[in-house]
Amino acid sequence: MAASMVDSVKTRRERSKAARKDASELVASRPYLIEQDWTAYTPEQHAIWRELVTRRLPQLHEHASRTYLEGFDQIGLQVDQLPELAKVSARLESRTGWNSTPVSGFLPSDAFFEMLAARRFPTTTWIRSREAMEYTPEPDIFHDVFGHVPMHAHPVFADFLQEYGRVCAGLKSAEALERMGRLFWFTVEFGVIHEEGRVKVYGSGLISSHGECTHVVERGSGLEIREFDLAKVMDTVVDVSRMQPVLYAIESFEQIYEAAREAESQLGE
């Protein structure tokens, strides 16, 4: 490994350790922090989790990034029962310093960015009903944990997400935050990566949704997969009401970590 790369990794590790905060140190997000009562989940809710997971895994074993699949095992997710966030966090913290922190629901942007910058992922604890198996407008524990959290076990992706939160926490301009939101959308939510000679999915919106993932792996009508370019990503307007017509494929997670740093230099106030 080149000396410059070693220095870069060392610097990231030092920065990430300094960023970690206990829940009692959070300010903007503190009113939204809750406890997960895992014993309160019903057999039906565990059955819904099991059905959601077993529906997604066959496609993901073929089309998800190996980083996601390895993370699924590393954080100890179970097919047959809802995750206990404290146990997930214990595994994560020993690997990357991240914590899957239970929250009451949607957070305002300042609270969301504060948590990411502190290596705490805001995680909802409710699970969708059987009537909403295909889609729920608000993220539930399936989207948050199954979709997002396995990626937090990867050191570079973990550094990227913390860096993204730190950068956004320092921005005041609505335009700058909107542009950074597009970076989040095309990586964390709808990210794809070149891997083993193919395009694999890693974004939570693709991981957790059969329809969105199928649109990608079958190259649905109108879909264009472009090479990742920060300027183009931040210029691409997002329409959440339709299947994504454009996605941006990365070569490595180092690429998006560096993109977050570059975005700060472009948008910093």
C-alpha atoms as a PDB file:
ATOM      1  CA  MET A   1       0.000   0.000   0.000  1.00  0.00           C
ATOM      2  CA  ALA A   2       1.395   3.433  -0.948  1.00  0.00           C
ATOM      3  CA  ALA A   3       2.531   5.701   1.885  1.00  0.00           C
ATOM      4  CA  SER A   4      -0.027   8.344   0.892  1.00  0.00           C
ATOM      5  CA  MET A   5      -2.823   5.764   1.144  1.00  0.00           C
ATOM      6  CA  VAL A   6      -1.593   4.628   4.567  1.00  0.00           C
ATOM      7  CA  ASP A   7      -1.557   8.231   5.732  1.00  0.00           C
ATOM      8  CA  SER A   8      -5.047   8.728   4.356  1.00  0.00           C
ATOM      9  CA  VAL A   9      -6.403   5.680   6.180  1.00  0.00           C
ATOM     10  CA  LYS A  10      -4.641   6.714   9.400  1.00  0.00           C
ATOM     11  CA  THR A  11      -6.089  10.212   9.159  1.00  0.00           C
ATOM     12  CA  ARG A  12      -9.584   8.835   8.573  1.00  0.00           C
ATOM     13  CA  ARG A  13      -9.308   6.559  11.601  1.00  0.00           C
ATOM     14  CA  GLU A  14      -8.179   9.405  13.843  1.00  0.00           C
ATOM     15  CA  ARG A  15     -10.980  11.647  12.565  1.00  0.00           C
ATOM     16  CA  SER A  16     -13.605   8.947  13.054  1.00  0.00           C
ATOM     17  CA  LYS A  17     -12.549   8.241  16.650  1.00  0.00           C
ATOM     18  CA  ALA A  18     -12.784  11.936  17.457  1.00  0.00           C
ATOM     19  CA  ALA A  19     -16.268  12.115  15.907  1.00  0.00           C
ATOM     20  CA  ARG A  20     -17.902   9.337  17.937  1.00  0.00           C
ATOM     21  CA  LYS A  21     -20.297  10.529  20.606  1.00  0.00           C
ATOM     22  CA  ASP A  22     -22.298   8.956  23.357  1.00  0.00           C
ATOM     23  CA  ALA A  23     -26.059   9.473  23.025  1.00  0.00           C
ATOM     24  CA  SER A  24     -25.948  11.855  26.000  1.00  0.00           C
ATOM     25  CA  GLU A  25     -23.673  14.180  23.976  1.00  0.00           C
ATOM     26  CA  LEU A  26     -26.142  14.611  21.123  1.00  0.00           C
ATOM     27  CA  VAL A  27     -28.110  17.859  21.091  1.00  0.00           C
ATOM     28  CA  ALA A  28     -30.351  18.327  18.043  1.00  0.00           C
ATOM     29  CA  SER A  29     -31.280  14.638  17.849  1.00  0.00           C
ATOM     30  CA  ARG A  30     -31.782  13.987  21.561  1.00  0.00           C
ATOM     31  CA  PRO A  31     -35.600  14.533  21.553  1.00  0.00           C
ATOM     32  CA  TYR A  32     -35.971  11.792  18.928  1.00  0.00           C
ATOM     33  CA  LEU A  33     -33.966   9.064  20.658  1.00  0.00           C
ATOM     34  CA  ILE A  34     -35.969   6.131  21.991  1.00  0.00           C
ATOM     35  CA  GLU A  35     -35.402   2.607  23.277  1.00  0.00           C
ATOM     36  CA  GLN A  36     -36.216  -0.466  21.227  1.00  0.00           C
ATOM     37  CA  ASP A  37     -38.511  -2.830  23.123  1.00  0.00           C
ATOM     38  CA  TRP A  38     -37.600  -5.994  21.240  1.00  0.00           C
ATOM     39  CA  THR A  39     -39.764  -8.191  23.489  1.00  0.00           C
ATOM     40  CA  ALA A  40     -42.878  -6.269  22.369  1.00  0.00           C
ATOM     41  CA  TYR A  41     -42.690  -7.511  18.770  1.00  0.00           C
ATOM     42  CA  THR A  42     -45.431 -10.011  18.010  1.00  0.00           C
ATOM     43  CA  PRO A  43     -45.057 -13.356  16.209  1.00  0.00           C
ATOM     44  CA  GLU A  44     -46.825 -11.748  13.237  1.00  0.00           C
ATOM     45  CA  GLN A  45     -44.269  -8.943  13.105  1.00  0.00           C
ATOM     46  CA  HIS A  46     -41.401 -11.433  13.171  1.00  0.00           C
ATOM     47  CA  ALA A  47     -43.197 -13.338  10.397  1.00  0.00           C
ATOM     48  CA  ILE A  48     -43.438 -10.162   8.300  1.00  0.00           C
ATOM     49  CA  TRP A  49     -39.692  -9.581   8.734  1.00  0.00           C
ATOM     50  CA  ARG A  50     -38.984 -13.178   7.740  1.00  0.00           C
ATOM     51  CA  GLU A  51     -41.117 -12.906   4.621  1.00  0.00           C
ATOM     52  CA  LEU A  52     -39.557  -9.602   3.580  1.00  0.00           C
ATOM     53  CA  VAL A  53     -36.035 -10.943   4.033  1.00  0.00           C
ATOM     54  CA  THR A  54     -36.623 -14.273   2.307  1.00  0.00           C
ATOM     55  CA  ARG A  55     -38.200 -12.456  -0.663  1.00  0.00           C
ATOM     56  CA  ARG A  56     -35.102 -10.306  -1.147  1.00  0.00           C
ATOM     57  CA  LEU A  57     -32.181 -12.634  -0.462  1.00  0.00           C
ATOM     58  CA  PRO A  58     -32.279 -14.769  -3.636  1.00  0.00           C
ATOM     59  CA  GLN A  59     -31.959 -11.740  -5.903  1.00  0.00           C
ATOM     60  CA  LEU A  60     -29.376 -10.106  -3.631  1.00  0.00           C
ATOM     61  CA  HIS A  61     -27.146 -13.164  -3.493  1.00  0.00           C
ATOM     62  CA  GLU A  62     -26.759 -12.750  -7.242  1.00  0.00           C
ATOM     63  CA  HIS A  63     -26.834  -8.982  -7.697  1.00  0.00           C
ATOM     64  CA  ALA A  64     -25.774  -7.258  -4.450  1.00  0.00           C
ATOM     65  CA  SER A  65     -22.246  -6.096  -3.788  1.00  0.00           C
ATOM     66  CA  ARG A  66     -20.164  -8.573  -1.807  1.00  0.00           C
ATOM     67  CA  THR A  67     -19.656  -5.733   0.694  1.00  0.00           C
ATOM     68  CA  TYR A  68     -23.363  -5.777   1.501  1.00  0.00           C
ATOM     69  CA  LEU A  69     -23.544  -9.578   1.688  1.00  0.00           C
ATOM     70  CA  GLU A  70     -20.513  -9.764   3.963  1.00  0.00           C
ATOM     71  CA  GLY A  71     -21.943  -7.016   6.149  1.00  0.00           C
ATOM     72  CA  PHE A  72     -25.231  -8.892   6.507  1.00  0.00           C
ATOM     73  CA  ASP A  73     -23.349 -11.769   8.133  1.00  0.00           C
ATOM     74  CA  GLN A  74     -20.927  -9.587  10.064  1.00  0.00           C
ATOM     75  CA  ILE A  75     -23.654  -7.702  11.944  1.00  0.00           C
ATOM     76  CA  GLY A  76     -25.511 -10.906  12.756  1.00  0.00           C
ATOM     77  CA  LEU A  77     -28.829 -10.343  10.992  1.00  0.00           C
ATOM     78  CA  GLN A  78     -31.232 -13.271  11.280  1.00  0.00           C
ATOM     79  CA  VAL A  79     -33.738 -14.335   8.651  1.00  0.00           C
ATOM     80  CA  ASP A  80     -36.372 -15.508  11.096  1.00  0.00           C
ATOM     81  CA  GLN A  81     -36.536 -12.659  13.608  1.00  0.00           C
ATOM     82  CA  LEU A  82     -36.394  -8.896  13.834  1.00  0.00           C
ATOM     83  CA  PRO A  83     -32.998  -7.472  14.770  1.00  0.00           C
ATOM     84  CA  GLU A  84     -32.085  -6.398  18.279  1.00  0.00           C
ATOM     85  CA  LEU A  85     -30.380  -3.067  17.653  1.00  0.00           C
ATOM     86  CA  ALA A  86     -28.165  -3.289  20.729  1.00  0.00           C
ATOM     87  CA  LYS A  87     -26.695  -6.572  19.469  1.00  0.00           C
ATOM     88  CA  VAL A  88     -26.282  -5.200  15.945  1.00  0.00           C
ATOM     89  CA  SER A  89     -24.516  -2.132  17.338  1.00  0.00           C
ATOM     90  CA  ALA A  90     -22.184  -4.220  19.485  1.00  0.00           C
ATOM     91  CA  ARG A  91     -20.956  -5.974  16.350  1.00  0.00           C
ATOM     92  CA  LEU A  92     -20.741  -2.746  14.354  1.00  0.00           C
ATOM     93  CA  GLU A  93     -18.892  -0.768  16.985  1.00  0.00           C
ATOM     94  CA  SER A  94     -16.105  -3.322  17.181  1.00  0.00           C
ATOM     95  CA  ARG A  95     -15.628  -3.104  13.405  1.00  0.00           C
ATOM     96  CA  THR A  96     -16.226   0.503  12.383  1.00  0.00           C
ATOM     97  CA  GLY A  97     -17.433   2.433  15.423  1.00  0.00           C
ATOM     98  CA  TRP A  98     -20.969   2.791  14.091  1.00  0.00           C
ATOM     99  CA  ASN A  99     -24.103   2.398  16.181  1.00  0.00           C
ATOM    100  CA  SER A 100     -27.642   1.643  14.975  1.00  0.00           C
ATOM    101  CA  THR A 101     -29.502   4.057  17.257  1.00  0.00           C
ATOM    102  CA  PRO A 102     -33.288   3.774  17.687  1.00  0.00           C
ATOM    103  CA  VAL A 103     -35.300   6.898  16.866  1.00  0.00           C
ATOM    104  CA  SER A 104     -38.986   7.773  16.840  1.00  0.00           C
ATOM    105  CA  GLY A 105     -39.235   8.440  13.100  1.00  0.00           C
ATOM    106  CA  PHE A 106     -38.193  11.070  10.572  1.00  0.00           C
ATOM    107  CA  LEU A 107     -35.602  13.512  11.880  1.00  0.00           C
ATOM    108  CA  PRO A 108     -35.107  17.160  10.910  1.00  0.00           C
ATOM    109  CA  SER A 109     -31.974  17.643   8.877  1.00  0.00           C
ATOM    110  CA  ASP A 110     -29.828  19.080  11.673  1.00  0.00           C
ATOM    111  CA  ALA A 111     -30.579  16.074  13.888  1.00  0.00           C
ATOM    112  CA  PHE A 112     -29.970  13.622  11.035  1.00  0.00           C
ATOM    113  CA  PHE A 113     -26.609  15.105  10.103  1.00  0.00           C
ATOM    114  CA  GLU A 114     -25.553  15.356  13.741  1.00  0.00           C
ATOM    115  CA  MET A 115     -26.151  11.643  14.180  1.00  0.00           C
ATOM    116  CA  LEU A 116     -24.300  10.636  11.023  1.00  0.00           C
ATOM    117  CA  ALA A 117     -21.350  12.835  11.972  1.00  0.00           C
ATOM    118  CA  ALA A 118     -21.267  11.041  15.354  1.00  0.00           C
ATOM    119  CA  ARG A 119     -21.373   7.573  13.708  1.00  0.00           C
ATOM    120  CA  ARG A 120     -24.899   6.934  14.902  1.00  0.00           C
ATOM    121  CA  PHE A 121     -27.379   5.765  12.287  1.00  0.00           C
ATOM    122  CA  PRO A 122     -30.965   6.852  13.084  1.00  0.00           C
ATOM    123  CA  THR A 123     -32.969   3.635  12.991  1.00  0.00           C
ATOM    124  CA  THR A 124     -36.728   3.261  13.191  1.00  0.00           C
ATOM    125  CA  THR A 125     -38.087   0.354  15.232  1.00  0.00           C
ATOM    126  CA  TRP A 126     -41.549  -0.155  13.727  1.00  0.00           C
ATOM    127  CA  ILE A 127     -42.227  -2.634  10.934  1.00  0.00           C
ATOM    128  CA  ARG A 128     -44.730  -2.299   8.107  1.00  0.00           C
ATOM    129  CA  SER A 129     -48.039  -4.123   8.123  1.00  0.00           C
ATOM    130  CA  ARG A 130     -48.814  -7.067   5.879  1.00  0.00           C
ATOM    131  CA  GLU A 131     -51.003  -4.718   3.788  1.00  0.00           C
ATOM    132  CA  ALA A 132     -47.935  -2.576   3.025  1.00  0.00           C
ATOM    133  CA  MET A 133     -45.436  -5.320   2.222  1.00  0.00           C
ATOM    134  CA  GLU A 134     -44.538  -3.912  -1.194  1.00  0.00           C
ATOM    135  CA  TYR A 135     -44.115  -0.282  -0.217  1.00  0.00           C
ATOM    136  CA  THR A 136     -44.202   2.048   2.759  1.00  0.00           C
ATOM    137  CA  PRO A 137     -43.741   5.817   2.348  1.00  0.00           C
ATOM    138  CA  GLU A 138     -41.780   6.114   5.593  1.00  0.00           C
ATOM    139  CA  PRO A 139     -38.691   4.029   6.354  1.00  0.00           C
ATOM    140  CA  ASP A 140     -39.288   1.122   8.738  1.00  0.00           C
ATOM    141  CA  ILE A 141     -36.848  -1.220  10.460  1.00  0.00           C
ATOM    142  CA  PHE A 142     -36.684  -3.413   7.370  1.00  0.00           C
ATOM    143  CA  HIS A 143     -35.551  -0.541   5.160  1.00  0.00           C
ATOM    144  CA  ASP A 144     -33.237   0.906   7.801  1.00  0.00           C
ATOM    145  CA  VAL A 145     -31.555  -2.247   9.076  1.00  0.00           C
ATOM    146  CA  PHE A 146     -31.843  -4.722   6.202  1.00  0.00           C
ATOM    147  CA  GLY A 147     -31.330  -1.996   3.590  1.00  0.00           C
ATOM    148  CA  HIS A 148     -28.728   0.273   5.187  1.00  0.00           C
ATOM    149  CA  VAL A 149     -26.889  -1.165   8.146  1.00  0.00           C
ATOM    150  CA  PRO A 150     -24.876  -4.048   6.588  1.00  0.00           C
ATOM    151  CA  MET A 151     -22.943  -1.432   4.617  1.00  0.00           C
ATOM    152  CA  HIS A 152     -21.859   0.236   7.855  1.00  0.00           C
ATOM    153  CA  ALA A 153     -19.632  -2.767   8.585  1.00  0.00           C
ATOM    154  CA  HIS A 154     -17.342  -1.776   5.702  1.00  0.00           C
ATOM    155  CA  PRO A 155     -14.596   0.561   6.971  1.00  0.00           C
ATOM    156  CA  VAL A 156     -14.410   2.871   3.960  1.00  0.00           C
ATOM    157  CA  PHE A 157     -18.166   3.147   3.445  1.00  0.00           C
ATOM    158  CA  ALA A 158     -18.483   3.790   7.184  1.00  0.00           C
ATOM    159  CA  ASP A 159     -15.936   6.605   6.902  1.00  0.00           C
ATOM    160  CA  PHE A 160     -17.768   8.041   3.899  1.00  0.00           C
ATOM    161  CA  LEU A 161     -21.122   8.154   5.709  1.00  0.00           C
ATOM    162  CA  GLN A 162     -19.628   9.870   8.752  1.00  0.00           C
ATOM    163  CA  GLU A 163     -17.807  12.341   6.530  1.00  0.00           C
ATOM    164  CA  TYR A 164     -21.022  13.044   4.625  1.00  0.00           C
ATOM    165  CA  GLY A 165     -22.805  13.867   7.884  1.00  0.00           C
ATOM    166  CA  ARG A 166     -19.968  16.095   9.053  1.00  0.00           C
ATOM    167  CA  VAL A 167     -19.910  18.053   5.801  1.00  0.00           C
ATOM    168  CA  CYS A 168     -23.692  18.521   5.721  1.00  0.00           C
ATOM    169  CA  ALA A 169     -23.792  19.578   9.378  1.00  0.00           C
ATOM    170  CA  GLY A 170     -21.577  22.526   8.455  1.00  0.00           C
ATOM    171  CA  LEU A 171     -23.703  23.729   5.535  1.00  0.00           C
ATOM    172  CA  LYS A 172     -26.383  26.416   5.857  1.00  0.00           C
ATOM    173  CA  SER A 173     -27.367  27.077   2.253  1.00  0.00           C
ATOM    174  CA  ALA A 174     -30.507  25.247   1.117  1.00  0.00           C
ATOM    175  CA  GLU A 175     -29.019  24.934  -2.363  1.00  0.00           C
ATOM    176  CA  ALA A 176     -25.818  23.363  -1.045  1.00  0.00           C
ATOM    177  CA  LEU A 177     -27.776  20.918   1.096  1.00  0.00           C
ATOM    178  CA  GLU A 178     -29.953  19.979  -1.860  1.00  0.00           C
ATOM    179  CA  ARG A 179     -26.875  19.224  -3.932  1.00  0.00           C
ATOM    180  CA  MET A 180     -25.437  17.127  -1.121  1.00  0.00           C
ATOM    181  CA  GLY A 181     -28.778  15.353  -0.886  1.00  0.00           C
ATOM    182  CA  ARG A 182     -28.275  14.177  -4.457  1.00  0.00           C
ATOM    183  CA  LEU A 183     -24.927  12.678  -3.491  1.00  0.00           C
ATOM    184  CA  PHE A 184     -26.684  10.747  -0.710  1.00  0.00           C
ATOM    185  CA  TRP A 185     -29.436   9.635  -3.085  1.00  0.00           C
ATOM    186  CA  PHE A 186     -27.125   8.271  -5.761  1.00  0.00           C
ATOM    187  CA  THR A 187     -24.847   6.487  -3.285  1.00  0.00           C
ATOM    188  CA  VAL A 188     -26.427   5.563   0.046  1.00  0.00           C
ATOM    189  CA  GLU A 189     -29.935   5.095  -1.361  1.00  0.00           C
ATOM    190  CA  PHE A 190     -29.466   4.131  -5.016  1.00  0.00           C
ATOM    191  CA  GLY A 191     -25.790   3.292  -5.273  1.00  0.00           C
ATOM    192  CA  VAL A 192     -24.338   0.765  -7.738  1.00  0.00           C
ATOM    193  CA  ILE A 193     -20.743  -0.414  -8.067  1.00  0.00           C
ATOM    194  CA  HIS A 194     -18.593  -2.121 -10.697  1.00  0.00           C
ATOM    195  CA  GLU A 195     -17.647  -5.460  -9.188  1.00  0.00           C
ATOM    196  CA  GLU A 196     -16.460  -8.742 -10.707  1.00  0.00           C
ATOM    197  CA  GLY A 197     -17.083  -7.410 -14.202  1.00  0.00           C
ATOM    198  CA  ARG A 198     -20.723  -6.544 -13.464  1.00  0.00           C
ATOM    199  CA  VAL A 199     -22.781  -3.751 -11.965  1.00  0.00           C
ATOM    200  CA  LYS A 200     -23.843  -4.696  -8.440  1.00  0.00           C
ATOM    201  CA  VAL A 201     -26.234  -2.867  -6.104  1.00  0.00           C
ATOM    202  CA  TYR A 202     -25.390  -1.501  -2.663  1.00  0.00           C
ATOM    203  CA  GLY A 203     -27.827   1.382  -2.072  1.00  0.00           C
ATOM    204  CA  SER A 204     -30.599   0.722   0.439  1.00  0.00           C
ATOM    205  CA  GLY A 205     -33.384   1.714  -1.941  1.00  0.00           C
ATOM    206  CA  LEU A 206     -32.237  -1.035  -4.297  1.00  0.00           C
ATOM    207  CA  ILE A 207     -31.405  -3.565  -1.594  1.00  0.00           C
ATOM    208  CA  SER A 208     -34.798  -3.329   0.113  1.00  0.00           C
ATOM    209  CA  SER A 209     -37.034  -3.001  -2.976  1.00  0.00           C
ATOM    210  CA  HIS A 210     -37.564  -5.881  -5.387  1.00  0.00           C
ATOM    211  CA  GLY A 211     -39.077  -3.595  -8.009  1.00  0.00           C
ATOM    212  CA  GLU A 212     -36.287  -1.000  -7.919  1.00  0.00           C
ATOM    213  CA  CYS A 213     -33.582  -3.670  -7.908  1.00  0.00           C
ATOM    214  CA  THR A 214     -35.187  -5.562 -10.796  1.00  0.00           C
ATOM    215  CA  HIS A 215     -35.339  -2.303 -12.761  1.00  0.00           C
ATOM    216  CA  VAL A 216     -31.550  -2.121 -12.417  1.00  0.00           C
ATOM    217  CA  VAL A 217     -30.507  -5.727 -12.950  1.00  0.00           C
ATOM    218  CA  GLU A 218     -32.813  -6.138 -15.950  1.00  0.00           C
ATOM    219  CA  ARG A 219     -31.901  -2.684 -17.302  1.00  0.00           C
ATOM    220  CA  GLY A 220     -35.473  -1.461 -17.246  1.00  0.00           C
ATOM    221  CA  SER A 221     -36.945   0.861 -19.838  1.00  0.00           C
ATOM    222  CA  GLY A 222     -35.123   4.182 -19.983  1.00  0.00           C
ATOM    223  CA  LEU A 223     -32.472   3.294 -17.401  1.00  0.00           C
ATOM    224  CA  GLU A 224     -29.004   4.717 -17.982  1.00  0.00           C
ATOM    225  CA  ILE A 225     -26.094   3.726 -15.749  1.00  0.00           C
ATOM    226  CA  ARG A 226     -23.372   6.343 -15.968  1.00  0.00           C
ATOM    227  CA  GLU A 227     -19.876   6.427 -14.540  1.00  0.00           C
ATOM    228  CA  PHE A 228     -19.765   8.265 -11.224  1.00  0.00           C
ATOM    229  CA  ASP A 229     -18.927  11.937 -11.616  1.00  0.00           C
ATOM    230  CA  LEU A 230     -19.438  14.211  -8.602  1.00  0.00           C
ATOM    231  CA  ALA A 231     -20.392  17.294 -10.590  1.00  0.00           C
ATOM    232  CA  LYS A 232     -22.960  15.397 -12.635  1.00  0.00           C
ATOM    233  CA  VAL A 233     -24.341  13.643  -9.562  1.00  0.00           C
ATOM    234  CA  MET A 234     -24.894  16.935  -7.756  1.00  0.00           C
ATOM    235  CA  ASP A 235     -26.526  18.420 -10.867  1.00  0.00           C
ATOM    236  CA  THR A 236     -28.972  15.535 -11.396  1.00  0.00           C
ATOM    237  CA  VAL A 237     -32.469  16.373 -10.157  1.00  0.00           C
ATOM    238  CA  VAL A 238     -34.118  13.538  -8.224  1.00  0.00           C
ATOM    239  CA  ASP A 239     -37.693  12.440  -8.874  1.00  0.00           C
ATOM    240  CA  VAL A 240     -38.763  10.107  -6.070  1.00  0.00           C
ATOM    241  CA  SER A 241     -42.119   9.331  -7.698  1.00  0.00           C
ATOM    242  CA  ARG A 242     -40.737   7.099 -10.457  1.00  0.00           C
ATOM    243  CA  MET A 243     -38.215   4.368 -11.155  1.00  0.00           C
ATOM    244  CA  GLN A 244     -34.824   6.001 -11.414  1.00  0.00           C
ATOM    245  CA  PRO A 245     -33.868   6.800 -15.019  1.00  0.00           C
ATOM    246  CA  VAL A 246     -30.182   7.483 -14.199  1.00  0.00           C
ATOM    247  CA  LEU A 247     -27.788   5.852 -11.741  1.00  0.00           C
ATOM    248  CA  TYR A 248     -24.059   6.402 -11.186  1.00  0.00           C
ATOM    249  CA  ALA A 249     -21.701   3.440 -10.862  1.00  0.00           C
ATOM    250  CA  ILE A 250     -18.615   3.766  -8.691  1.00  0.00           C
ATOM    251  CA  GLU A 251     -15.355   1.825  -8.916  1.00  0.00           C
ATOM    252  CA  SER A 252     -14.690   1.688  -5.171  1.00  0.00           C
ATOM    253  CA  PHE A 253     -15.954   3.129  -1.891  1.00  0.00           C
ATOM    254  CA  GLU A 254     -12.795   5.207  -1.654  1.00  0.00           C
ATOM    255  CA  GLN A 255     -14.234   7.095  -4.620  1.00  0.00           C
ATOM    256  CA  ILE A 256     -17.287   8.314  -2.728  1.00  0.00           C
ATOM    257  CA  TYR A 257     -15.303   9.094   0.416  1.00  0.00           C
ATOM    258  CA  GLU A 258     -13.111  11.384  -1.679  1.00  0.00           C
ATOM    259  CA  ALA A 259     -16.250  12.769  -3.353  1.00  0.00           C
ATOM    260  CA  ALA A 260     -17.614  13.864   0.034  1.00  0.00           C
ATOM    261  CA  ARG A 261     -14.334  15.662   0.747  1.00  0.00           C
ATOM    262  CA  GLU A 262     -14.370  17.287  -2.687  1.00  0.00           C
ATOM    263  CA  ALA A 263     -17.989  18.368  -2.229  1.00  0.00           C
ATOM    264  CA  GLU A 264     -16.987  20.125   0.985  1.00  0.00           C
ATOM    265  CA  SER A 265     -14.317  22.089  -0.840  1.00  0.00           C
ATOM    266  CA  GLN A 266     -16.836  23.090  -3.505  1.00  0.00           C
ATOM    267  CA  LEU A 267     -19.789  23.901  -1.252  1.00  0.00           C
ATOM    268  CA  GLY A 268     -18.177  24.834   2.070  1.00  0.00           C
ATOM    269  CA  GLU A 269     -19.436  28.068   3.542  1.00  0.00           C
END
